[in-house]
N, C-alpha and C. Protein backbone atom coordinates (compact mmCIF):
# COMPACT_ATOMS: atom_id res chain seq x y z
N MET A 1 -45.82 19.26 25.02
CA MET A 1 -44.75 19.04 25.65
C MET A 1 -44.36 17.76 25.33
N GLN A 2 -44.61 16.68 24.75
CA GLN A 2 -44.72 15.25 24.64
C GLN A 2 -43.99 15.43 23.48
N ILE A 3 -43.81 16.35 22.56
CA ILE A 3 -43.07 16.57 21.65
C ILE A 3 -41.64 16.78 21.68
N MET A 4 -41.93 18.16 22.40
CA MET A 4 -40.41 18.37 22.77
C MET A 4 -39.40 17.67 23.50
N CYS A 5 -40.42 16.52 24.49
CA CYS A 5 -39.31 15.69 25.11
C CYS A 5 -39.19 14.79 24.26
N LEU A 6 -39.63 14.01 23.23
CA LEU A 6 -39.52 13.26 22.33
C LEU A 6 -38.24 13.63 21.37
N VAL A 7 -38.25 15.09 21.01
CA VAL A 7 -37.00 15.75 20.38
C VAL A 7 -36.07 15.76 21.16
N ASN A 8 -36.30 16.18 22.06
CA ASN A 8 -34.71 16.17 23.06
C ASN A 8 -34.22 14.81 23.15
N LYS A 9 -35.03 13.55 23.66
CA LYS A 9 -34.33 12.53 23.48
C LYS A 9 -33.85 12.24 22.36
N LEU A 10 -34.20 12.24 21.34
CA LEU A 10 -34.02 11.81 19.78
C LEU A 10 -32.89 12.90 19.68
N GLY A 11 -32.75 14.22 19.62
CA GLY A 11 -31.31 14.61 19.83
C GLY A 11 -30.31 14.41 20.65
N LYS A 12 -30.69 13.84 21.83
CA LYS A 12 -29.51 13.09 22.81
C LYS A 12 -29.09 11.61 22.22
N PHE A 13 -29.93 11.13 21.72
CA PHE A 13 -29.56 9.78 21.40
C PHE A 13 -28.43 10.01 19.76
N LEU A 14 -28.83 11.04 18.77
CA LEU A 14 -28.07 10.87 17.57
C LEU A 14 -26.62 11.17 18.05
N VAL A 15 -26.62 12.23 19.51
CA VAL A 15 -25.19 13.08 19.68
C VAL A 15 -24.60 11.93 20.33
N TRP A 16 -25.10 10.53 21.30
CA TRP A 16 -24.31 9.65 21.32
C TRP A 16 -23.97 8.78 20.49
N LEU A 17 -24.73 8.51 19.30
CA LEU A 17 -24.93 7.71 18.17
C LEU A 17 -23.54 8.18 17.23
N LEU A 18 -23.34 9.26 17.10
CA LEU A 18 -22.36 10.08 16.30
C LEU A 18 -20.88 9.71 17.23
N LEU A 19 -21.04 10.15 18.52
CA LEU A 19 -19.81 10.08 19.15
C LEU A 19 -19.22 8.50 19.67
N GLY A 20 -20.44 7.57 19.54
CA GLY A 20 -19.93 6.34 19.29
C GLY A 20 -19.18 5.92 18.19
N LEU A 21 -19.90 5.96 16.83
CA LEU A 21 -19.10 6.10 15.51
C LEU A 21 -17.81 6.93 15.57
N ALA A 22 -17.92 7.98 15.96
CA ALA A 22 -16.19 8.48 16.24
C ALA A 22 -15.08 7.71 16.59
N ALA A 23 -15.54 7.02 18.09
CA ALA A 23 -14.90 6.11 18.55
C ALA A 23 -14.45 4.95 18.13
N VAL A 24 -15.39 4.61 17.22
CA VAL A 24 -15.13 3.37 16.62
C VAL A 24 -14.27 3.62 15.02
N THR A 25 -14.29 4.74 14.57
CA THR A 25 -13.72 5.25 13.23
C THR A 25 -12.23 5.65 13.88
N CYS A 26 -12.06 6.18 14.93
CA CYS A 26 -10.82 6.55 15.63
C CYS A 26 -9.85 4.95 15.91
N ALA A 27 -10.68 4.11 16.51
CA ALA A 27 -10.37 3.17 17.15
C ALA A 27 -9.55 2.00 15.64
N ASN A 28 -10.17 2.39 14.43
CA ASN A 28 -9.71 1.57 13.59
C ASN A 28 -8.57 2.24 12.73
N ALA A 29 -8.41 3.33 13.10
CA ALA A 29 -7.41 4.47 12.30
C ALA A 29 -6.22 4.35 13.25
N GLU A 30 -6.31 3.89 14.24
CA GLU A 30 -4.92 3.58 14.85
C GLU A 30 -4.03 2.51 14.14
N THR A 31 -2.33 2.99 14.41
CA THR A 31 -1.70 1.76 13.94
C THR A 31 -0.98 1.60 15.27
N VAL A 32 0.01 0.46 14.89
CA VAL A 32 0.59 -0.20 15.93
C VAL A 32 2.17 -0.32 15.11
N TRP A 33 3.18 0.24 16.18
CA TRP A 33 4.67 0.44 15.89
C TRP A 33 5.13 -0.62 16.00
N LEU A 34 5.98 -1.65 15.45
CA LEU A 34 6.88 -2.23 15.55
C LEU A 34 8.40 -2.21 15.35
N LYS A 35 9.26 -2.08 16.16
CA LYS A 35 10.61 -2.05 15.63
C LYS A 35 11.41 -3.56 15.11
N ASN A 36 11.81 -2.65 14.03
CA ASN A 36 12.69 -3.67 12.98
C ASN A 36 13.60 -4.75 13.92
N ASN A 37 13.19 -5.95 14.17
CA ASN A 37 13.89 -7.24 14.92
C ASN A 37 14.58 -7.74 13.94
N GLY A 38 15.82 -7.90 13.86
CA GLY A 38 16.67 -8.40 13.10
C GLY A 38 16.36 -8.92 11.43
N GLY A 39 15.69 -8.05 11.33
CA GLY A 39 15.75 -7.91 9.71
C GLY A 39 14.04 -8.29 9.27
N GLN A 40 13.07 -8.36 9.75
CA GLN A 40 11.83 -8.61 9.85
C GLN A 40 10.86 -8.08 10.97
N VAL A 41 9.88 -7.99 11.23
CA VAL A 41 8.54 -8.05 12.12
C VAL A 41 7.64 -8.79 11.87
N HIS A 42 6.82 -8.94 13.11
CA HIS A 42 5.62 -10.10 12.84
C HIS A 42 4.21 -9.37 13.33
N LEU A 43 3.20 -9.23 12.15
CA LEU A 43 2.28 -8.74 12.29
C LEU A 43 1.07 -9.60 12.54
N GLN A 44 0.67 -8.77 13.92
CA GLN A 44 -0.54 -9.80 14.44
C GLN A 44 -1.98 -8.83 13.82
N MET A 45 -3.01 -9.53 13.14
CA MET A 45 -3.87 -8.79 12.68
C MET A 45 -5.04 -8.71 13.72
N ALA A 46 -5.92 -8.04 13.53
CA ALA A 46 -7.36 -8.10 13.98
C ALA A 46 -7.99 -9.60 14.27
N ASP A 47 -8.25 -9.95 12.94
CA ASP A 47 -8.74 -11.44 12.70
C ASP A 47 -7.67 -12.24 13.65
N GLY A 48 -6.62 -12.41 13.99
CA GLY A 48 -6.10 -13.59 14.41
C GLY A 48 -4.90 -13.77 13.58
N ALA A 49 -4.75 -13.46 12.36
CA ALA A 49 -3.78 -13.99 11.41
C ALA A 49 -2.72 -13.31 11.89
N VAL A 50 -1.59 -13.94 11.60
CA VAL A 50 0.12 -13.63 11.96
C VAL A 50 0.88 -13.40 10.80
N TYR A 51 1.49 -12.57 10.23
CA TYR A 51 2.26 -12.54 9.05
C TYR A 51 3.47 -12.18 9.53
N ASP A 52 4.65 -12.54 9.07
CA ASP A 52 6.38 -12.17 9.27
C ASP A 52 6.44 -11.59 7.99
N VAL A 53 7.06 -10.32 7.93
CA VAL A 53 7.60 -9.37 6.93
C VAL A 53 9.06 -9.06 6.95
N LYS A 54 9.80 -9.40 5.94
CA LYS A 54 11.06 -8.98 6.23
C LYS A 54 11.52 -7.80 5.59
N LEU A 55 12.45 -7.19 6.40
CA LEU A 55 13.03 -5.99 6.35
C LEU A 55 14.19 -5.57 6.05
N PHE A 56 14.64 -4.41 5.45
CA PHE A 56 16.01 -4.09 4.86
C PHE A 56 16.59 -3.77 6.20
N SER A 57 17.86 -3.73 6.46
CA SER A 57 18.51 -3.42 7.63
C SER A 57 18.37 -1.66 8.07
N GLU A 58 17.84 -0.97 7.16
CA GLU A 58 18.34 0.35 7.29
C GLU A 58 16.73 0.94 7.75
N VAL A 59 15.93 0.07 7.55
CA VAL A 59 14.35 0.12 8.32
C VAL A 59 14.32 0.04 9.53
N GLY A 60 13.81 1.37 10.36
CA GLY A 60 13.79 1.22 11.74
C GLY A 60 12.98 0.77 12.51
N GLY A 61 11.82 0.79 11.89
CA GLY A 61 10.55 0.08 12.02
C GLY A 61 9.46 0.20 11.37
N VAL A 62 8.01 -0.17 11.48
CA VAL A 62 6.80 -0.26 11.12
C VAL A 62 5.87 0.28 12.12
N PHE A 63 4.82 1.21 11.26
CA PHE A 63 3.52 1.15 11.32
C PHE A 63 2.95 0.30 10.95
N TYR A 64 1.96 -0.24 11.32
CA TYR A 64 0.61 -1.19 10.59
C TYR A 64 -0.49 -0.83 11.07
N ASP A 65 -1.37 -1.26 10.39
CA ASP A 65 -3.02 -1.06 10.38
C ASP A 65 -3.53 -2.62 10.64
N ARG A 66 -4.18 -2.93 11.77
CA ARG A 66 -4.62 -4.24 11.96
C ARG A 66 -5.15 -5.19 11.04
N ASP A 67 -5.99 -4.20 10.49
CA ASP A 67 -7.55 -4.95 10.03
C ASP A 67 -6.78 -5.17 8.38
N LYS A 68 -7.71 -5.86 7.64
CA LYS A 68 -7.21 -6.36 6.39
C LYS A 68 -8.18 -5.41 5.72
N HIS A 69 -8.04 -5.20 4.41
CA HIS A 69 -8.93 -4.46 3.71
C HIS A 69 -9.48 -5.19 2.17
N THR A 70 -10.90 -5.54 2.13
CA THR A 70 -11.30 -6.13 1.18
C THR A 70 -11.62 -5.32 -0.18
N ILE A 71 -11.24 -5.77 -1.36
CA ILE A 71 -11.26 -4.89 -2.57
C ILE A 71 -11.35 -6.42 -3.48
N GLY A 72 -12.86 -6.20 -4.24
CA GLY A 72 -12.97 -7.35 -5.32
C GLY A 72 -12.70 -8.98 -4.85
N GLY A 73 -13.28 -8.74 -3.36
CA GLY A 73 -13.10 -10.16 -2.90
C GLY A 73 -11.59 -10.60 -2.65
N ARG A 74 -10.84 -9.63 -2.66
CA ARG A 74 -9.68 -10.20 -2.04
C ARG A 74 -8.86 -9.37 -0.98
N GLU A 75 -8.33 -9.58 -0.23
CA GLU A 75 -7.38 -9.15 1.05
C GLU A 75 -6.52 -8.33 0.90
N TYR A 76 -6.06 -7.24 1.45
CA TYR A 76 -4.95 -6.77 1.58
C TYR A 76 -4.74 -6.07 3.06
N VAL A 77 -3.17 -5.91 3.18
CA VAL A 77 -2.62 -5.48 4.63
C VAL A 77 -1.74 -4.22 3.95
N SER A 78 -1.61 -3.53 4.57
CA SER A 78 -0.93 -2.40 4.71
C SER A 78 -0.11 -2.26 5.67
N LEU A 79 1.22 -1.30 5.62
CA LEU A 79 1.97 -1.18 6.64
C LEU A 79 2.82 0.20 6.17
N PHE A 80 3.39 0.55 7.18
CA PHE A 80 4.32 1.95 6.66
C PHE A 80 5.83 1.79 7.26
N GLN A 81 6.43 1.60 6.08
CA GLN A 81 8.21 1.19 6.73
C GLN A 81 9.01 2.90 6.90
N VAL A 82 9.68 2.81 7.80
CA VAL A 82 10.33 4.11 8.35
C VAL A 82 11.85 4.05 8.32
N LEU A 83 12.29 4.69 7.35
CA LEU A 83 14.07 4.79 7.77
C LEU A 83 14.58 6.25 8.21
N SER A 84 15.67 6.45 7.96
CA SER A 84 16.14 7.96 8.36
C SER A 84 16.27 8.62 6.57
N SER A 85 16.53 9.63 6.72
CA SER A 85 16.33 10.04 5.66
C SER A 85 17.82 10.48 4.92
N ASN A 86 18.52 10.67 5.90
CA ASN A 86 20.14 10.79 5.64
C ASN A 86 20.99 10.22 6.64
N SER A 87 20.85 9.13 6.63
CA SER A 87 21.54 8.52 7.93
C SER A 87 23.46 8.54 7.57
N ALA A 88 23.49 8.74 6.52
CA ALA A 88 25.18 8.97 5.86
C ALA A 88 25.60 10.36 6.52
N ARG A 89 24.46 11.25 6.49
CA ARG A 89 25.05 12.51 6.79
C ARG A 89 23.89 12.78 8.12
N PRO A 90 24.14 12.57 9.34
CA PRO A 90 22.92 12.89 10.22
C PRO A 90 22.88 14.15 11.06
N SER A 91 24.07 14.79 10.69
CA SER A 91 24.20 16.06 10.96
C SER A 91 23.92 17.19 9.58
N GLY A 92 23.59 16.71 8.39
CA GLY A 92 23.57 17.57 7.24
C GLY A 92 21.70 17.36 7.26
N ALA A 93 21.36 18.26 5.80
CA ALA A 93 20.23 18.32 5.59
C ALA A 93 19.31 17.35 5.57
N CYS A 94 18.27 17.12 6.58
CA CYS A 94 17.36 16.03 6.83
C CYS A 94 18.10 14.83 7.23
N GLY A 95 18.98 15.05 8.33
CA GLY A 95 19.74 14.09 8.95
C GLY A 95 18.92 13.72 10.21
N ALA A 96 18.22 14.39 10.85
CA ALA A 96 17.18 13.84 11.68
C ALA A 96 15.85 13.40 11.02
N GLY A 97 15.53 14.05 10.07
CA GLY A 97 14.20 13.31 9.22
C GLY A 97 14.27 11.56 9.18
N ASN A 98 12.79 11.80 8.47
CA ASN A 98 12.26 10.47 8.32
C ASN A 98 12.32 10.32 6.40
N GLU A 99 11.86 9.02 6.10
CA GLU A 99 11.26 8.56 4.91
C GLU A 99 10.61 7.59 5.41
N VAL A 100 8.82 7.69 4.71
CA VAL A 100 7.99 6.72 5.33
C VAL A 100 7.36 6.08 3.83
N TRP A 101 7.51 5.12 3.58
CA TRP A 101 7.16 4.22 2.52
C TRP A 101 5.89 3.27 2.99
N LEU A 102 4.59 3.51 2.47
CA LEU A 102 3.38 2.68 2.43
C LEU A 102 3.89 1.40 1.46
N HIS A 103 3.58 0.16 2.10
CA HIS A 103 3.67 -1.07 1.32
C HIS A 103 2.20 -1.55 1.09
N VAL A 104 1.86 -2.05 0.29
CA VAL A 104 0.50 -2.75 0.47
C VAL A 104 0.79 -3.97 -0.01
N TYR A 105 0.26 -5.19 0.77
CA TYR A 105 0.71 -6.41 0.57
C TYR A 105 -1.06 -7.16 0.04
N HIS A 106 -1.39 -8.12 -1.00
CA HIS A 106 -2.01 -9.20 -0.85
C HIS A 106 -1.96 -10.34 0.11
N VAL A 107 -2.81 -10.57 0.49
CA VAL A 107 -2.94 -11.88 1.24
C VAL A 107 -3.16 -13.11 0.52
N ALA A 108 -2.44 -13.85 0.37
CA ALA A 108 -2.69 -15.39 -0.30
C ALA A 108 -2.04 -16.42 0.87
N GLY A 109 -3.36 -16.68 1.58
CA GLY A 109 -3.20 -17.63 2.59
C GLY A 109 -2.53 -17.22 3.47
N ALA A 110 -1.28 -17.66 4.13
CA ALA A 110 -0.29 -17.26 4.85
C ALA A 110 0.87 -16.40 4.47
N VAL A 111 0.58 -15.99 3.40
CA VAL A 111 1.87 -15.51 2.71
C VAL A 111 1.23 -13.86 2.08
N LEU A 112 2.45 -13.19 2.47
CA LEU A 112 1.67 -11.56 1.66
C LEU A 112 2.79 -11.02 0.57
N ASN A 113 2.30 -10.75 -0.56
CA ASN A 113 2.79 -10.46 -1.74
C ASN A 113 2.58 -8.88 -1.71
N GLU A 114 3.62 -8.44 -1.98
CA GLU A 114 3.92 -6.84 -2.19
C GLU A 114 3.21 -6.52 -3.60
N LYS A 115 1.83 -5.71 -3.41
CA LYS A 115 1.57 -5.19 -4.79
C LYS A 115 2.17 -4.09 -5.21
N ILE A 116 2.75 -2.66 -3.77
CA ILE A 116 2.72 -1.69 -4.27
C ILE A 116 3.42 -0.71 -3.24
N LYS A 117 4.20 -0.01 -3.39
CA LYS A 117 5.23 0.62 -2.45
C LYS A 117 4.86 2.51 -2.84
N VAL A 118 4.62 2.85 -1.87
CA VAL A 118 4.12 4.56 -2.35
C VAL A 118 5.07 5.31 -1.30
N LEU A 119 5.88 6.12 -2.01
CA LEU A 119 7.01 7.29 -0.82
C LEU A 119 5.55 8.01 -0.27
N VAL A 120 5.33 8.32 1.26
CA VAL A 120 4.35 9.14 1.74
C VAL A 120 4.73 10.38 2.63
N SER A 121 5.71 10.30 3.09
CA SER A 121 6.60 11.20 3.54
C SER A 121 8.07 11.70 3.25
N SER A 122 8.77 12.60 3.16
CA SER A 122 10.20 12.40 3.13
C SER A 122 10.46 13.81 3.30
N CYS A 123 11.68 13.94 4.16
CA CYS A 123 11.99 15.42 4.32
C CYS A 123 13.22 15.76 3.01
N LEU A 124 13.68 14.56 2.57
CA LEU A 124 14.66 14.92 1.21
C LEU A 124 13.92 15.64 0.09
N ARG A 125 12.49 15.10 -0.10
CA ARG A 125 11.67 15.15 -1.02
C ARG A 125 10.61 16.26 -1.01
N SER A 126 10.42 16.58 0.22
CA SER A 126 9.55 17.52 0.31
C SER A 126 7.60 16.66 0.11
N ILE A 127 8.01 15.40 0.56
CA ILE A 127 6.03 14.98 0.64
C ILE A 127 6.05 14.60 1.98
N SER A 128 4.77 15.01 2.29
CA SER A 128 4.19 14.85 3.50
C SER A 128 2.18 14.58 3.39
N LEU A 129 2.02 14.11 4.45
CA LEU A 129 0.68 13.33 4.61
C LEU A 129 -0.32 14.51 5.41
N ALA A 130 -1.39 14.73 4.88
CA ALA A 130 -2.59 15.86 5.50
C ALA A 130 -2.34 15.74 7.24
N SER A 131 -2.48 14.48 7.21
CA SER A 131 -2.62 13.82 8.63
C SER A 131 -1.36 14.00 9.51
N GLN A 132 -0.47 14.51 8.99
CA GLN A 132 0.52 14.56 9.77
C GLN A 132 1.49 15.98 10.35
N ASN A 133 0.64 16.97 9.59
CA ASN A 133 0.61 18.33 9.25
C ASN A 133 -0.61 19.02 10.44
N THR A 134 -1.31 18.15 11.24
CA THR A 134 -2.12 18.88 11.95
C THR A 134 -1.94 19.77 13.14
N GLY A 135 -0.59 19.58 13.63
CA GLY A 135 -0.30 20.44 15.13
C GLY A 135 -0.08 19.49 15.97
N ASP A 136 -0.83 18.43 15.91
CA ASP A 136 -1.65 17.38 17.10
C ASP A 136 -0.04 16.81 17.55
N GLN A 137 0.12 16.40 18.90
CA GLN A 137 1.08 15.63 19.44
C GLN A 137 1.34 14.66 18.92
N MET A 138 0.67 13.94 18.44
CA MET A 138 0.80 12.23 18.06
C MET A 138 1.14 12.32 16.64
N GLN A 139 0.72 13.22 15.65
CA GLN A 139 0.97 13.34 14.11
C GLN A 139 1.62 12.73 13.37
N ASP A 140 2.77 12.52 14.23
CA ASP A 140 3.92 11.69 13.20
C ASP A 140 3.26 9.96 12.91
N SER A 141 2.66 9.50 13.74
CA SER A 141 2.16 8.39 13.86
C SER A 141 0.54 8.23 13.07
N ASP A 142 -0.34 9.43 12.97
CA ASP A 142 -1.37 9.54 12.31
C ASP A 142 -1.18 9.45 10.75
N PHE A 143 -1.91 8.30 10.47
CA PHE A 143 -1.76 7.96 8.99
C PHE A 143 -3.09 7.98 8.33
N SER A 144 -3.60 8.34 8.97
CA SER A 144 -5.45 8.49 8.79
C SER A 144 -5.81 9.00 7.07
N SER A 145 -4.75 9.98 6.76
CA SER A 145 -4.81 10.80 5.48
C SER A 145 -4.86 9.29 4.57
N VAL A 146 -4.77 8.23 4.76
CA VAL A 146 -4.40 6.71 4.12
C VAL A 146 -5.70 6.17 4.17
N GLN A 147 -7.04 6.22 3.22
CA GLN A 147 -8.15 5.69 3.15
C GLN A 147 -8.28 4.93 2.41
N TRP A 148 -9.00 3.91 3.17
CA TRP A 148 -9.04 2.46 2.04
C TRP A 148 -10.70 2.42 1.91
N ASN A 149 -11.09 2.15 0.70
CA ASN A 149 -12.52 2.16 -0.28
C ASN A 149 -12.90 1.00 -1.07
N LEU A 150 -14.20 0.69 -1.73
CA LEU A 150 -14.30 -0.59 -2.48
C LEU A 150 -13.62 -0.63 -3.42
N LYS A 151 -12.62 0.42 -4.02
CA LYS A 151 -11.94 0.31 -5.22
C LYS A 151 -10.43 0.19 -4.89
N GLY A 152 -10.07 0.76 -3.99
CA GLY A 152 -8.92 0.84 -3.50
C GLY A 152 -8.37 1.47 -2.25
N PHE A 153 -7.34 2.43 -2.37
CA PHE A 153 -7.13 3.55 -1.50
C PHE A 153 -6.71 4.81 -2.18
N SER A 154 -6.93 5.94 -0.98
CA SER A 154 -6.64 6.99 -1.65
C SER A 154 -5.37 7.84 -0.46
N ILE A 155 -4.65 8.90 -0.97
CA ILE A 155 -3.88 9.85 0.44
C ILE A 155 -4.44 11.14 -0.13
N GLU A 156 -4.33 11.36 1.07
CA GLU A 156 -4.68 13.14 1.11
C GLU A 156 -2.95 13.76 1.63
N TRP A 157 -2.46 14.56 0.72
CA TRP A 157 -1.36 15.20 0.55
C TRP A 157 -1.33 16.20 1.62
N PHE A 158 -0.49 17.17 2.23
CA PHE A 158 -0.41 18.42 2.78
C PHE A 158 0.44 18.74 1.92
N GLU A 159 1.89 18.18 1.14
CA GLU A 159 2.91 18.54 0.40
C GLU A 159 3.38 17.54 -0.67
N HIS A 160 2.90 17.57 -2.18
CA HIS A 160 3.29 16.80 -2.77
C HIS A 160 2.89 17.29 -4.33
N VAL A 161 3.72 16.78 -5.05
CA VAL A 161 3.43 17.68 -6.57
C VAL A 161 3.52 16.50 -7.65
N ASP A 162 2.87 16.81 -8.67
CA ASP A 162 3.00 15.65 -9.99
C ASP A 162 4.02 15.59 -10.56
N ALA A 163 4.29 15.33 -11.96
CA ALA A 163 5.39 15.24 -12.64
C ALA A 163 5.32 16.59 -13.08
N ALA A 164 4.63 17.10 -13.43
CA ALA A 164 4.52 18.67 -14.16
C ALA A 164 4.76 19.49 -12.94
N GLY A 165 5.43 19.26 -11.73
CA GLY A 165 4.82 20.03 -10.82
C GLY A 165 4.11 20.92 -9.89
N ARG A 166 2.64 20.19 -10.46
CA ARG A 166 1.45 20.83 -9.60
C ARG A 166 1.16 20.62 -8.63
N PRO A 167 0.51 21.26 -7.43
CA PRO A 167 0.51 20.37 -5.96
C PRO A 167 -0.67 19.44 -6.06
N LEU A 168 -0.50 18.69 -5.38
CA LEU A 168 -1.76 17.44 -5.38
C LEU A 168 -2.34 17.68 -3.89
N GLN A 169 -3.81 17.36 -4.10
CA GLN A 169 -4.26 17.26 -3.18
C GLN A 169 -4.76 15.76 -2.80
N PHE A 170 -4.85 14.87 -3.65
CA PHE A 170 -4.93 13.38 -3.32
C PHE A 170 -4.50 12.96 -4.47
N THR A 171 -4.27 11.44 -3.90
CA THR A 171 -3.86 10.51 -5.28
C THR A 171 -4.63 9.17 -4.74
N ASN A 172 -5.50 8.94 -5.58
CA ASN A 172 -6.40 7.45 -5.55
C ASN A 172 -5.64 6.32 -6.12
N PHE A 173 -5.53 5.41 -5.57
CA PHE A 173 -5.25 4.31 -6.05
C PHE A 173 -6.16 2.86 -6.47
N VAL A 174 -6.73 2.97 -7.73
CA VAL A 174 -7.67 1.83 -8.03
C VAL A 174 -7.11 0.46 -8.35
N LEU A 175 -7.73 -0.46 -7.86
CA LEU A 175 -7.14 -1.70 -8.16
C LEU A 175 -7.92 -1.79 -9.88
N ARG A 176 -6.67 -2.34 -10.54
CA ARG A 176 -7.21 -2.91 -12.07
C ARG A 176 -6.47 -4.20 -12.69
N GLU A 177 -6.98 -5.40 -12.55
CA GLU A 177 -6.09 -6.54 -13.08
C GLU A 177 -5.28 -6.29 -12.30
N GLY A 178 -5.32 -6.42 -10.99
CA GLY A 178 -4.53 -6.76 -10.12
C GLY A 178 -3.36 -5.92 -9.83
N ALA A 179 -3.58 -4.86 -10.28
CA ALA A 179 -2.47 -3.58 -10.22
C ALA A 179 -3.10 -2.27 -9.27
N PHE A 180 -2.44 -1.44 -8.40
CA PHE A 180 -3.31 -0.58 -7.70
C PHE A 180 -2.52 0.60 -9.13
N LEU A 181 -3.45 1.40 -9.44
CA LEU A 181 -3.14 2.21 -10.65
C LEU A 181 -3.23 3.79 -9.52
N PRO A 182 -2.34 4.79 -9.95
CA PRO A 182 -2.35 5.92 -9.40
C PRO A 182 -3.24 6.98 -10.18
N GLN A 183 -4.28 7.56 -9.74
CA GLN A 183 -4.88 8.65 -10.33
C GLN A 183 -4.83 10.00 -9.59
N ASP A 184 -3.81 11.17 -10.17
CA ASP A 184 -3.85 12.14 -9.16
C ASP A 184 -4.92 12.97 -9.33
N VAL A 185 -5.14 14.06 -7.98
CA VAL A 185 -6.09 15.03 -8.25
C VAL A 185 -5.61 16.23 -7.49
N LEU A 186 -5.51 17.49 -8.22
CA LEU A 186 -4.76 18.52 -8.16
C LEU A 186 -5.31 19.23 -7.16
N SER A 187 -4.82 19.88 -6.58
CA SER A 187 -4.98 21.05 -5.31
C SER A 187 -6.35 21.85 -5.82
N GLN A 188 -7.25 22.12 -5.12
CA GLN A 188 -8.09 23.22 -5.67
C GLN A 188 -7.93 24.36 -5.83
N GLU A 189 -6.47 24.90 -4.95
CA GLU A 189 -6.06 26.04 -4.67
C GLU A 189 -5.26 26.60 -5.81
N ASN A 190 -4.40 25.64 -6.17
CA ASN A 190 -3.54 26.02 -7.73
C ASN A 190 -4.02 25.04 -8.52
N PRO A 191 -5.14 25.24 -9.51
CA PRO A 191 -5.76 24.18 -10.58
C PRO A 191 -5.14 24.33 -11.71
N ASN A 192 -3.99 25.23 -12.14
CA ASN A 192 -3.21 25.50 -13.02
C ASN A 192 -1.80 24.43 -13.48
């Protein structure tokens, strides 16, 4: 009887531990929306640091993750700039659609230096993230397909192709000599 009670308590503990870890993971994956304010946005990071980022006038705003990401002892900040796909022809193809660019910046004191920008969502080019094609109500602001790791970051695609037209599952961006180098991973469904 004592063993069964111990097993039940251990099982309940593990369930609560997993739920707690899931809550922390979800909290860290959240992004904040900032509207373009006169050609710039004011990023307030989780550690209290503040950065101003200049934007082009056609950028409607940005989603950003408040956490800094450390790779090789250096810190990086990421944000997603959102602009209209076809603002010149709002009633034409993709007139109501968006283009979303991931911008990654190296933190140099109080300044952010852009290291790379990647188109991650495009109505015009049929590019989209896996996390933004889940059917969930808030999928448009779900950028969890971009995952940081010790070597850089990866992007899980819902729809994207390489230069030869083959469907991609992931693109890994590995930091080498100060630059993020892309490494495409083809879709398992169509290995040709």
